[in-house]
Amino acid sequence: MDIGLLSVSMNVYSTKRIAEEAEERGHYIELIDHTKCSVKLGSGNPKVYYLNENITDAFDAIIPRIGAKVTKHGAAIVKQFEMNGVFSTAHALSISRARNKVRTLQILSRKHIPIPETLFSINPDDIEHQIELLGGPPVIIKLQEGTQGLGVILAETKKSAKSIIDTFYKMDTSILIQKYIEESNGEDIRIFVVGQKIVASMKRSSDVEDFRSNVHRGGSTEAIRPTPKEQHMALNATKHLGLGVAGVDIIRSKKGPLLIEVNASPGLQGIEAATGINIAKEIILFVEKNVSRKRK
């Protein structure tokens, strides 16, 4: 099987691990930097070019690892492969939805999956009322397309919340505001789903000086077994967003588990280290199963 691995560099841990496991199972896999891909439309069939090479029919499957800064372009490349009949571990639309936190939460809320109290607005004249709608400070302020804990701010007072929110509004930056769940104590759960199967789970705990639990922000990790409700939430969220591979983040509150985010390109390093599970192999097995099904 020939696989296109859409990523910017083989030096990225997750990209390297997926390539290793594909080669271990006898597949040809090639790094395709999606930022250097072009699509030609018009006369004849649409074509995908990588640098100067036509790769439209080069692969049986693609595994997108799309960076946050090039989501729209990356999703467009994935869409063209899909339209040409190539299997992808994540649909283009699903990548775009998951990257936008508000859109994700809108979909999950509609499907009755518990989420923190959340508000999004662009009205700079109504900030105090917006904060009160969430029960007052402290509140969490998030960039709608931030990743790895970047663009996530804890505003502990009404004054600081108003100042931060006002600044973002005036910069025309899309944000959302969430109720701070104090009892989560800087911890969350990452559940890794591949092909509607939970393959690994870990608890992430923040550094003592940071409320964010992301491994990239210095958080610690340990393998855990999610509760049946947490498992159900993770599988449902992944299904409703249409993702074949996803990292689902959940926090525990007094009212039960709350889903905070779904990642369409979840990192492997922290969770493989914490659990000892070969997640990269699970991704390749998922690709094999679906390509085999398409060929029948």
C-alpha atoms as a PDB file:
ATOM      1  CA  MET A   1       0.000   0.000   0.000  1.00  0.00           C
ATOM      2  CA  ASP A   2       1.210   3.506  -0.832  1.00  0.00           C
ATOM      3  CA  ILE A   3       0.544   6.160   1.814  1.00  0.00           C
ATOM      4  CA  GLY A   4       0.947   9.924   1.663  1.00  0.00           C
ATOM      5  CA  LEU A   5       1.800  11.413   5.062  1.00  0.00           C
ATOM      6  CA  LEU A   6       0.750  15.075   5.006  1.00  0.00           C
ATOM      7  CA  SER A   7       3.113  16.839   7.398  1.00  0.00           C
ATOM      8  CA  VAL A   8       5.709  19.578   7.257  1.00  0.00           C
ATOM      9  CA  SER A   9       8.656  17.553   8.569  1.00  0.00           C
ATOM     10  CA  MET A  10       9.786  14.032   9.363  1.00  0.00           C
ATOM     11  CA  ASN A  11      11.503  15.478  12.446  1.00  0.00           C
ATOM     12  CA  VAL A  12       8.140  15.768  14.183  1.00  0.00           C
ATOM     13  CA  TYR A  13       7.787  12.858  16.630  1.00  0.00           C
ATOM     14  CA  SER A  14       4.265  11.855  15.581  1.00  0.00           C
ATOM     15  CA  THR A  15       5.100  11.997  11.873  1.00  0.00           C
ATOM     16  CA  LYS A  16       8.239   9.931  12.367  1.00  0.00           C
ATOM     17  CA  ARG A  17       6.441   7.273  14.426  1.00  0.00           C
ATOM     18  CA  ILE A  18       3.647   6.853  11.887  1.00  0.00           C
ATOM     19  CA  ALA A  19       6.205   6.491   9.081  1.00  0.00           C
ATOM     20  CA  GLU A  20       8.167   3.922  11.088  1.00  0.00           C
ATOM     21  CA  GLU A  21       5.117   1.767  11.701  1.00  0.00           C
ATOM     22  CA  ALA A  22       3.991   1.963   8.080  1.00  0.00           C
ATOM     23  CA  GLU A  23       7.410   0.804   6.901  1.00  0.00           C
ATOM     24  CA  GLU A  24       7.483  -1.899   9.593  1.00  0.00           C
ATOM     25  CA  ARG A  25       4.303  -3.329   8.089  1.00  0.00           C
ATOM     26  CA  GLY A  26       5.736  -3.289   4.576  1.00  0.00           C
ATOM     27  CA  HIS A  27       4.061  -0.180   3.172  1.00  0.00           C
ATOM     28  CA  TYR A  28       5.553   2.608   1.108  1.00  0.00           C
ATOM     29  CA  ILE A  29       5.024   5.928   2.859  1.00  0.00           C
ATOM     30  CA  GLU A  30       6.127   9.349   1.654  1.00  0.00           C
ATOM     31  CA  LEU A  31       6.235  12.661   3.476  1.00  0.00           C
ATOM     32  CA  ILE A  32       4.170  15.250   1.594  1.00  0.00           C
ATOM     33  CA  ASP A  33       4.555  18.805   2.861  1.00  0.00           C
ATOM     34  CA  HIS A  34       0.997  20.047   2.310  1.00  0.00           C
ATOM     35  CA  THR A  35       2.185  23.668   2.383  1.00  0.00           C
ATOM     36  CA  LYS A  36       4.028  22.919  -0.873  1.00  0.00           C
ATOM     37  CA  CYS A  37       1.072  21.253  -2.590  1.00  0.00           C
ATOM     38  CA  SER A  38      -1.022  22.883  -5.298  1.00  0.00           C
ATOM     39  CA  VAL A  39      -4.356  21.939  -6.869  1.00  0.00           C
ATOM     40  CA  LYS A  40      -5.070  22.585 -10.550  1.00  0.00           C
ATOM     41  CA  LEU A  41      -8.709  22.944 -11.540  1.00  0.00           C
ATOM     42  CA  GLY A  42     -10.257  23.643 -14.923  1.00  0.00           C
ATOM     43  CA  SER A  43      -9.837  21.657 -18.119  1.00  0.00           C
ATOM     44  CA  GLY A  44      -9.453  17.929 -17.546  1.00  0.00           C
ATOM     45  CA  ASN A  45      -9.601  16.213 -14.183  1.00  0.00           C
ATOM     46  CA  PRO A  46      -8.431  18.138 -11.094  1.00  0.00           C
ATOM     47  CA  LYS A  47      -4.821  17.395 -10.192  1.00  0.00           C
ATOM     48  CA  VAL A  48      -2.719  17.651  -7.036  1.00  0.00           C
ATOM     49  CA  TYR A  49       0.891  18.705  -7.469  1.00  0.00           C
ATOM     50  CA  TYR A  50       3.671  18.402  -4.909  1.00  0.00           C
ATOM     51  CA  LEU A  51       6.396  20.801  -5.990  1.00  0.00           C
ATOM     52  CA  ASN A  52       6.459  19.992  -9.735  1.00  0.00           C
ATOM     53  CA  GLU A  53       5.196  16.404  -9.522  1.00  0.00           C
ATOM     54  CA  ASN A  54       1.658  15.235 -10.234  1.00  0.00           C
ATOM     55  CA  ILE A  55       0.692  13.096  -7.214  1.00  0.00           C
ATOM     56  CA  THR A  56      -3.041  12.917  -7.914  1.00  0.00           C
ATOM     57  CA  ASP A  57      -3.098   9.111  -8.200  1.00  0.00           C
ATOM     58  CA  ALA A  58       0.092   8.329  -6.291  1.00  0.00           C
ATOM     59  CA  PHE A  59      -1.437   7.056  -3.036  1.00  0.00           C
ATOM     60  CA  ASP A  60      -3.988   4.559  -1.775  1.00  0.00           C
ATOM     61  CA  ALA A  61      -4.432   6.587   1.413  1.00  0.00           C
ATOM     62  CA  ILE A  62      -3.353   9.787   3.087  1.00  0.00           C
ATOM     63  CA  ILE A  63      -2.780  10.553   6.760  1.00  0.00           C
ATOM     64  CA  PRO A  64      -3.227  14.304   7.324  1.00  0.00           C
ATOM     65  CA  ARG A  65      -1.199  16.030  10.035  1.00  0.00           C
ATOM     66  CA  ILE A  66      -2.325  19.565   9.239  1.00  0.00           C
ATOM     67  CA  GLY A  67      -0.751  22.482  11.102  1.00  0.00           C
ATOM     68  CA  ALA A  68      -2.987  25.092  12.733  1.00  0.00           C
ATOM     69  CA  LYS A  69      -1.567  27.982  10.710  1.00  0.00           C
ATOM     70  CA  VAL A  70      -2.456  26.386   7.361  1.00  0.00           C
ATOM     71  CA  THR A  71      -5.758  24.699   8.202  1.00  0.00           C
ATOM     72  CA  LYS A  72      -7.696  26.080   5.225  1.00  0.00           C
ATOM     73  CA  HIS A  73      -5.027  25.196   2.664  1.00  0.00           C
ATOM     74  CA  GLY A  74      -4.346  21.803   4.243  1.00  0.00           C
ATOM     75  CA  ALA A  75      -8.049  20.942   4.336  1.00  0.00           C
ATOM     76  CA  ALA A  76      -8.385  21.932   0.664  1.00  0.00           C
ATOM     77  CA  ILE A  77      -5.562  19.550  -0.274  1.00  0.00           C
ATOM     78  CA  VAL A  78      -7.164  16.751   1.756  1.00  0.00           C
ATOM     79  CA  LYS A  79     -10.528  17.461   0.080  1.00  0.00           C
ATOM     80  CA  GLN A  80      -9.037  17.110  -3.379  1.00  0.00           C
ATOM     81  CA  PHE A  81      -7.504  13.737  -2.512  1.00  0.00           C
ATOM     82  CA  GLU A  82     -10.876  12.636  -1.128  1.00  0.00           C
ATOM     83  CA  MET A  83     -12.675  13.763  -4.301  1.00  0.00           C
ATOM     84  CA  ASN A  84     -10.188  11.683  -6.284  1.00  0.00           C
ATOM     85  CA  GLY A  85     -11.154   8.580  -4.284  1.00  0.00           C
ATOM     86  CA  VAL A  86      -8.181   8.430  -1.897  1.00  0.00           C
ATOM     87  CA  PHE A  87      -8.928   7.276   1.654  1.00  0.00           C
ATOM     88  CA  SER A  88      -8.095   9.827   4.357  1.00  0.00           C
ATOM     89  CA  THR A  89      -7.948   9.231   8.112  1.00  0.00           C
ATOM     90  CA  ALA A  90      -9.706  12.599   8.548  1.00  0.00           C
ATOM     91  CA  HIS A  91     -12.221  14.243   6.242  1.00  0.00           C
ATOM     92  CA  ALA A  92     -11.398  17.774   5.141  1.00  0.00           C
ATOM     93  CA  LEU A  93     -14.605  19.132   6.663  1.00  0.00           C
ATOM     94  CA  SER A  94     -13.862  17.347   9.944  1.00  0.00           C
ATOM     95  CA  ILE A  95     -10.399  18.909  10.145  1.00  0.00           C
ATOM     96  CA  SER A  96     -11.872  22.380   9.652  1.00  0.00           C
ATOM     97  CA  ARG A  97     -14.608  21.798  12.222  1.00  0.00           C
ATOM     98  CA  ALA A  98     -12.271  20.395  14.875  1.00  0.00           C
ATOM     99  CA  ARG A  99      -9.787  23.238  14.424  1.00  0.00           C
ATOM    100  CA  ASN A 100     -12.500  25.805  15.197  1.00  0.00           C
ATOM    101  CA  LYS A 101     -13.351  25.436  18.888  1.00  0.00           C
ATOM    102  CA  VAL A 102     -16.693  27.220  18.643  1.00  0.00           C
ATOM    103  CA  ARG A 103     -17.885  25.083  15.732  1.00  0.00           C
ATOM    104  CA  THR A 104     -16.821  21.940  17.599  1.00  0.00           C
ATOM    105  CA  LEU A 105     -18.697  22.943  20.736  1.00  0.00           C
ATOM    106  CA  GLN A 106     -21.778  23.939  18.729  1.00  0.00           C
ATOM    107  CA  ILE A 107     -21.939  20.484  17.181  1.00  0.00           C
ATOM    108  CA  LEU A 108     -21.311  18.648  20.450  1.00  0.00           C
ATOM    109  CA  SER A 109     -23.794  20.783  22.378  1.00  0.00           C
ATOM    110  CA  ARG A 110     -26.456  20.028  19.785  1.00  0.00           C
ATOM    111  CA  LYS A 111     -25.716  16.318  20.299  1.00  0.00           C
ATOM    112  CA  HIS A 112     -26.166  16.749  24.073  1.00  0.00           C
ATOM    113  CA  ILE A 113     -22.526  16.043  24.939  1.00  0.00           C
ATOM    114  CA  PRO A 114     -21.711  17.935  28.181  1.00  0.00           C
ATOM    115  CA  ILE A 115     -19.378  20.923  27.752  1.00  0.00           C
ATOM    116  CA  PRO A 116     -18.375  23.823  30.051  1.00  0.00           C
ATOM    117  CA  GLU A 117     -20.603  26.908  30.035  1.00  0.00           C
ATOM    118  CA  THR A 118     -19.283  28.763  26.979  1.00  0.00           C
ATOM    119  CA  LEU A 119     -19.915  32.125  25.353  1.00  0.00           C
ATOM    120  CA  PHE A 120     -18.684  33.680  22.146  1.00  0.00           C
ATOM    121  CA  SER A 121     -19.325  37.230  21.007  1.00  0.00           C
ATOM    122  CA  ILE A 122     -17.740  40.112  19.133  1.00  0.00           C
ATOM    123  CA  ASN A 123     -19.513  42.878  21.049  1.00  0.00           C
ATOM    124  CA  PRO A 124     -17.002  45.071  22.931  1.00  0.00           C
ATOM    125  CA  ASP A 125     -19.799  47.105  24.540  1.00  0.00           C
ATOM    126  CA  ASP A 126     -21.296  44.218  26.490  1.00  0.00           C
ATOM    127  CA  ILE A 127     -18.284  42.521  28.099  1.00  0.00           C
ATOM    128  CA  GLU A 128     -19.409  42.829  31.715  1.00  0.00           C
ATOM    129  CA  HIS A 129     -22.730  41.157  30.926  1.00  0.00           C
ATOM    130  CA  GLN A 130     -20.915  38.417  28.989  1.00  0.00           C
ATOM    131  CA  ILE A 131     -18.794  37.634  32.051  1.00  0.00           C
ATOM    132  CA  GLU A 132     -21.859  37.592  34.303  1.00  0.00           C
ATOM    133  CA  LEU A 133     -23.613  35.134  31.968  1.00  0.00           C
ATOM    134  CA  LEU A 134     -20.871  32.662  32.916  1.00  0.00           C
ATOM    135  CA  GLY A 135     -21.335  33.307  36.640  1.00  0.00           C
ATOM    136  CA  GLY A 136     -18.627  35.949  36.942  1.00  0.00           C
ATOM    137  CA  PRO A 137     -14.845  35.565  37.197  1.00  0.00           C
ATOM    138  CA  PRO A 138     -12.618  33.670  37.010  1.00  0.00           C
ATOM    139  CA  VAL A 139     -13.125  32.794  33.344  1.00  0.00           C
ATOM    140  CA  ILE A 140     -11.051  31.063  30.694  1.00  0.00           C
ATOM    141  CA  ILE A 141     -10.430  33.021  27.481  1.00  0.00           C
ATOM    142  CA  LYS A 142      -9.404  30.978  24.438  1.00  0.00           C
ATOM    143  CA  LEU A 143      -8.409  31.745  20.895  1.00  0.00           C
ATOM    144  CA  GLN A 144     -10.821  29.873  18.657  1.00  0.00           C
ATOM    145  CA  GLU A 145      -7.997  28.221  16.748  1.00  0.00           C
ATOM    146  CA  GLY A 146      -5.264  27.884  19.375  1.00  0.00           C
ATOM    147  CA  THR A 147      -3.384  24.591  19.902  1.00  0.00           C
ATOM    148  CA  GLN A 148      -1.188  22.937  22.552  1.00  0.00           C
ATOM    149  CA  GLY A 149      -2.382  25.325  25.251  1.00  0.00           C
ATOM    150  CA  LEU A 150      -1.332  28.426  23.322  1.00  0.00           C
ATOM    151  CA  GLY A 151      -3.898  31.220  23.365  1.00  0.00           C
ATOM    152  CA  VAL A 152      -5.554  30.001  26.593  1.00  0.00           C
ATOM    153  CA  ILE A 153      -5.717  32.606  29.370  1.00  0.00           C
ATOM    154  CA  LEU A 154      -7.112  32.488  32.898  1.00  0.00           C
ATOM    155  CA  ALA A 155      -8.642  35.828  33.921  1.00  0.00           C
ATOM    156  CA  GLU A 156      -9.092  35.737  37.691  1.00  0.00           C
ATOM    157  CA  THR A 157     -10.845  39.081  38.181  1.00  0.00           C
ATOM    158  CA  LYS A 158     -13.554  40.989  36.350  1.00  0.00           C
ATOM    159  CA  LYS A 159     -11.115  43.824  35.665  1.00  0.00           C
ATOM    160  CA  SER A 160      -8.508  41.560  34.043  1.00  0.00           C
ATOM    161  CA  ALA A 161     -11.185  39.626  32.106  1.00  0.00           C
ATOM    162  CA  LYS A 162     -12.647  42.846  30.687  1.00  0.00           C
ATOM    163  CA  SER A 163      -9.215  44.117  29.721  1.00  0.00           C
ATOM    164  CA  ILE A 164      -8.174  40.888  27.958  1.00  0.00           C
ATOM    165  CA  ILE A 165     -11.496  40.387  26.167  1.00  0.00           C
ATOM    166  CA  ASP A 166     -11.636  44.015  25.053  1.00  0.00           C
ATOM    167  CA  THR A 167      -8.106  43.761  23.666  1.00  0.00           C
ATOM    168  CA  PHE A 168      -8.939  40.669  21.624  1.00  0.00           C
ATOM    169  CA  TYR A 169     -12.147  42.208  20.290  1.00  0.00           C
ATOM    170  CA  LYS A 170     -10.325  45.350  19.178  1.00  0.00           C
ATOM    171  CA  MET A 171      -7.659  43.194  17.485  1.00  0.00           C
ATOM    172  CA  ASP A 172     -10.475  41.437  15.577  1.00  0.00           C
ATOM    173  CA  THR A 173      -9.333  38.130  17.085  1.00  0.00           C
ATOM    174  CA  SER A 174     -11.916  35.354  17.411  1.00  0.00           C
ATOM    175  CA  ILE A 175     -12.193  34.087  20.978  1.00  0.00           C
ATOM    176  CA  LEU A 176     -14.513  32.145  23.233  1.00  0.00           C
ATOM    177  CA  ILE A 177     -15.043  32.568  26.958  1.00  0.00           C
ATOM    178  CA  GLN A 178     -15.638  29.631  29.310  1.00  0.00           C
ATOM    179  CA  LYS A 179     -16.570  29.183  32.925  1.00  0.00           C
ATOM    180  CA  TYR A 180     -13.499  28.200  34.953  1.00  0.00           C
ATOM    181  CA  ILE A 181     -13.919  24.728  36.450  1.00  0.00           C
ATOM    182  CA  GLU A 182     -11.863  25.105  39.606  1.00  0.00           C
ATOM    183  CA  GLU A 183     -12.365  21.534  40.808  1.00  0.00           C
ATOM    184  CA  SER A 184     -10.643  20.167  37.691  1.00  0.00           C
ATOM    185  CA  ASN A 185      -7.491  21.289  39.523  1.00  0.00           C
ATOM    186  CA  GLY A 186      -5.401  21.807  36.388  1.00  0.00           C
ATOM    187  CA  GLU A 187      -6.026  18.259  35.192  1.00  0.00           C
ATOM    188  CA  ASP A 188      -7.651  16.837  32.098  1.00  0.00           C
ATOM    189  CA  ILE A 189      -7.996  13.509  30.343  1.00  0.00           C
ATOM    190  CA  ARG A 190      -6.806  12.846  26.803  1.00  0.00           C
ATOM    191  CA  ILE A 191      -8.619   9.949  25.151  1.00  0.00           C
ATOM    192  CA  PHE A 192      -7.116   8.762  21.871  1.00  0.00           C
ATOM    193  CA  VAL A 193      -9.642   7.354  19.394  1.00  0.00           C
ATOM    194  CA  VAL A 194      -8.773   5.469  16.206  1.00  0.00           C
ATOM    195  CA  GLY A 195     -11.543   4.126  13.992  1.00  0.00           C
ATOM    196  CA  GLN A 196     -14.232   4.499  16.664  1.00  0.00           C
ATOM    197  CA  LYS A 197     -12.109   2.541  19.131  1.00  0.00           C
ATOM    198  CA  ILE A 198     -10.415   3.950  22.214  1.00  0.00           C
ATOM    199  CA  VAL A 199      -6.784   2.858  21.952  1.00  0.00           C
ATOM    200  CA  ALA A 200      -5.187   4.812  24.829  1.00  0.00           C
ATOM    201  CA  SER A 201      -5.998   7.306  27.583  1.00  0.00           C
ATOM    202  CA  MET A 202      -3.963   9.436  29.948  1.00  0.00           C
ATOM    203  CA  LYS A 203      -4.441  12.045  32.637  1.00  0.00           C
ATOM    204  CA  ARG A 204      -2.486  15.270  32.207  1.00  0.00           C
ATOM    205  CA  SER A 205      -1.679  17.431  35.217  1.00  0.00           C
ATOM    206  CA  SER A 206      -0.458  21.005  35.019  1.00  0.00           C
ATOM    207  CA  ASP A 207       2.747  22.408  36.354  1.00  0.00           C
ATOM    208  CA  VAL A 208       2.214  23.991  39.790  1.00  0.00           C
ATOM    209  CA  GLU A 209       2.558  27.463  38.259  1.00  0.00           C
ATOM    210  CA  ASP A 210       0.267  26.872  35.274  1.00  0.00           C
ATOM    211  CA  PHE A 211      -3.428  25.933  35.087  1.00  0.00           C
ATOM    212  CA  ARG A 212      -2.994  24.391  31.600  1.00  0.00           C
ATOM    213  CA  SER A 213      -2.363  20.654  31.548  1.00  0.00           C
ATOM    214  CA  ASN A 214      -0.900  20.343  28.043  1.00  0.00           C
ATOM    215  CA  VAL A 215       2.280  18.277  27.823  1.00  0.00           C
ATOM    216  CA  HIS A 216       3.775  21.011  25.614  1.00  0.00           C
ATOM    217  CA  ARG A 217       3.305  23.427  28.532  1.00  0.00           C
ATOM    218  CA  GLY A 218       5.246  21.198  30.943  1.00  0.00           C
ATOM    219  CA  GLY A 219       2.404  19.091  32.310  1.00  0.00           C
ATOM    220  CA  SER A 220       2.920  15.561  33.664  1.00  0.00           C
ATOM    221  CA  THR A 221       1.105  12.449  32.452  1.00  0.00           C
ATOM    222  CA  GLU A 222      -0.078   9.060  33.653  1.00  0.00           C
ATOM    223  CA  ALA A 223      -2.066   6.270  32.030  1.00  0.00           C
ATOM    224  CA  ILE A 224      -5.657   5.921  33.236  1.00  0.00           C
ATOM    225  CA  ARG A 225      -8.868   4.091  32.389  1.00  0.00           C
ATOM    226  CA  PRO A 226     -11.682   6.555  31.627  1.00  0.00           C
ATOM    227  CA  THR A 227     -15.100   6.003  33.149  1.00  0.00           C
ATOM    228  CA  PRO A 228     -17.799   4.474  30.912  1.00  0.00           C
ATOM    229  CA  LYS A 229     -19.405   7.925  30.545  1.00  0.00           C
ATOM    230  CA  GLU A 230     -16.098   9.505  29.518  1.00  0.00           C
ATOM    231  CA  GLN A 231     -15.543   6.748  26.970  1.00  0.00           C
ATOM    232  CA  HIS A 232     -19.039   7.235  25.589  1.00  0.00           C
ATOM    233  CA  MET A 233     -18.496  10.999  25.287  1.00  0.00           C
ATOM    234  CA  ALA A 234     -15.179  10.555  23.451  1.00  0.00           C
ATOM    235  CA  LEU A 235     -16.556   8.055  20.957  1.00  0.00           C
ATOM    236  CA  ASN A 236     -19.691  10.116  20.301  1.00  0.00           C
ATOM    237  CA  ALA A 237     -17.722  13.336  19.813  1.00  0.00           C
ATOM    238  CA  THR A 238     -15.376  11.673  17.337  1.00  0.00           C
ATOM    239  CA  LYS A 239     -18.298  10.155  15.442  1.00  0.00           C
ATOM    240  CA  HIS A 240     -20.271  13.393  15.237  1.00  0.00           C
ATOM    241  CA  LEU A 241     -17.235  15.316  13.978  1.00  0.00           C
ATOM    242  CA  GLY A 242     -16.421  12.608  11.425  1.00  0.00           C
ATOM    243  CA  LEU A 243     -12.836  11.964  12.523  1.00  0.00           C
ATOM    244  CA  GLY A 244     -11.081   8.623  12.047  1.00  0.00           C
ATOM    245  CA  VAL A 245      -8.227   9.626  14.347  1.00  0.00           C
ATOM    246  CA  ALA A 246      -8.760  12.068  17.215  1.00  0.00           C
ATOM    247  CA  GLY A 247      -7.583  13.177  20.626  1.00  0.00           C
ATOM    248  CA  VAL A 248     -10.538  14.037  22.867  1.00  0.00           C
ATOM    249  CA  ASP A 249      -9.929  16.228  25.939  1.00  0.00           C
ATOM    250  CA  ILE A 250     -12.232  15.976  28.969  1.00  0.00           C
ATOM    251  CA  ILE A 251     -12.180  17.593  32.414  1.00  0.00           C
ATOM    252  CA  ARG A 252     -13.905  16.332  35.544  1.00  0.00           C
ATOM    253  CA  SER A 253     -16.306  18.670  37.327  1.00  0.00           C
ATOM    254  CA  LYS A 254     -18.744  18.424  40.215  1.00  0.00           C
ATOM    255  CA  LYS A 255     -21.486  17.896  37.628  1.00  0.00           C
ATOM    256  CA  GLY A 256     -19.569  15.125  35.868  1.00  0.00           C
ATOM    257  CA  PRO A 257     -17.193  15.004  32.886  1.00  0.00           C
ATOM    258  CA  LEU A 258     -17.145  17.933  30.461  1.00  0.00           C
ATOM    259  CA  LEU A 259     -15.678  17.789  26.967  1.00  0.00           C
ATOM    260  CA  ILE A 260     -13.443  20.765  26.196  1.00  0.00           C
ATOM    261  CA  GLU A 261     -11.787  20.007  22.868  1.00  0.00           C
ATOM    262  CA  VAL A 262     -11.321  17.504  20.032  1.00  0.00           C
ATOM    263  CA  ASN A 263      -7.985  17.459  18.206  1.00  0.00           C
ATOM    264  CA  ALA A 264      -7.882  16.233  14.593  1.00  0.00           C
ATOM    265  CA  SER A 265      -4.065  15.878  14.594  1.00  0.00           C
ATOM    266  CA  PRO A 266      -3.305  14.684  18.129  1.00  0.00           C
ATOM    267  CA  GLY A 267       0.314  14.259  19.142  1.00  0.00           C
ATOM    268  CA  LEU A 268       1.621  10.779  19.927  1.00  0.00           C
ATOM    269  CA  GLN A 269       4.694  11.465  22.023  1.00  0.00           C
ATOM    270  CA  GLY A 270       3.125  12.137  25.418  1.00  0.00           C
ATOM    271  CA  ILE A 271       0.471   9.451  25.260  1.00  0.00           C
ATOM    272  CA  GLU A 272       2.719   6.722  23.841  1.00  0.00           C
ATOM    273  CA  ALA A 273       5.231   7.440  26.607  1.00  0.00           C
ATOM    274  CA  ALA A 274       2.557   7.502  29.332  1.00  0.00           C
ATOM    275  CA  THR A 275       0.720   4.356  28.247  1.00  0.00           C
ATOM    276  CA  GLY A 276       3.333   2.263  26.437  1.00  0.00           C
ATOM    277  CA  ILE A 277       0.770   1.676  23.675  1.00  0.00           C
ATOM    278  CA  ASN A 278       1.873   1.681  20.033  1.00  0.00           C
ATOM    279  CA  ILE A 279      -0.682   4.189  18.768  1.00  0.00           C
ATOM    280  CA  ALA A 280       1.135   4.759  15.472  1.00  0.00           C
ATOM    281  CA  LYS A 281       0.615   1.074  14.653  1.00  0.00           C
ATOM    282  CA  GLU A 282      -3.099   1.391  15.465  1.00  0.00           C
ATOM    283  CA  ILE A 283      -3.354   4.230  12.938  1.00  0.00           C
ATOM    284  CA  ILE A 284      -1.696   2.136  10.217  1.00  0.00           C
ATOM    285  CA  LEU A 285      -3.968  -0.823  10.995  1.00  0.00           C
ATOM    286  CA  PHE A 286      -6.950   1.512  10.637  1.00  0.00           C
ATOM    287  CA  VAL A 287      -5.681   2.663   7.230  1.00  0.00           C
ATOM    288  CA  GLU A 288      -5.105  -0.948   6.106  1.00  0.00           C
ATOM    289  CA  LYS A 289      -8.629  -1.959   7.090  1.00  0.00           C
ATOM    290  CA  ASN A 290     -10.283   0.888   5.209  1.00  0.00           C
ATOM    291  CA  VAL A 291      -8.172   0.654   2.045  1.00  0.00           C
ATOM    292  CA  SER A 292      -8.822  -3.088   1.942  1.00  0.00           C
ATOM    293  CA  ARG A 293     -12.560  -2.439   2.288  1.00  0.00           C
ATOM    294  CA  LYS A 294     -12.504   0.074  -0.591  1.00  0.00           C
ATOM    295  CA  ARG A 295     -10.771  -2.427  -2.879  1.00  0.00           C
ATOM    296  CA  LYS A 296     -13.434  -5.097  -2.417  1.00  0.00           C
END
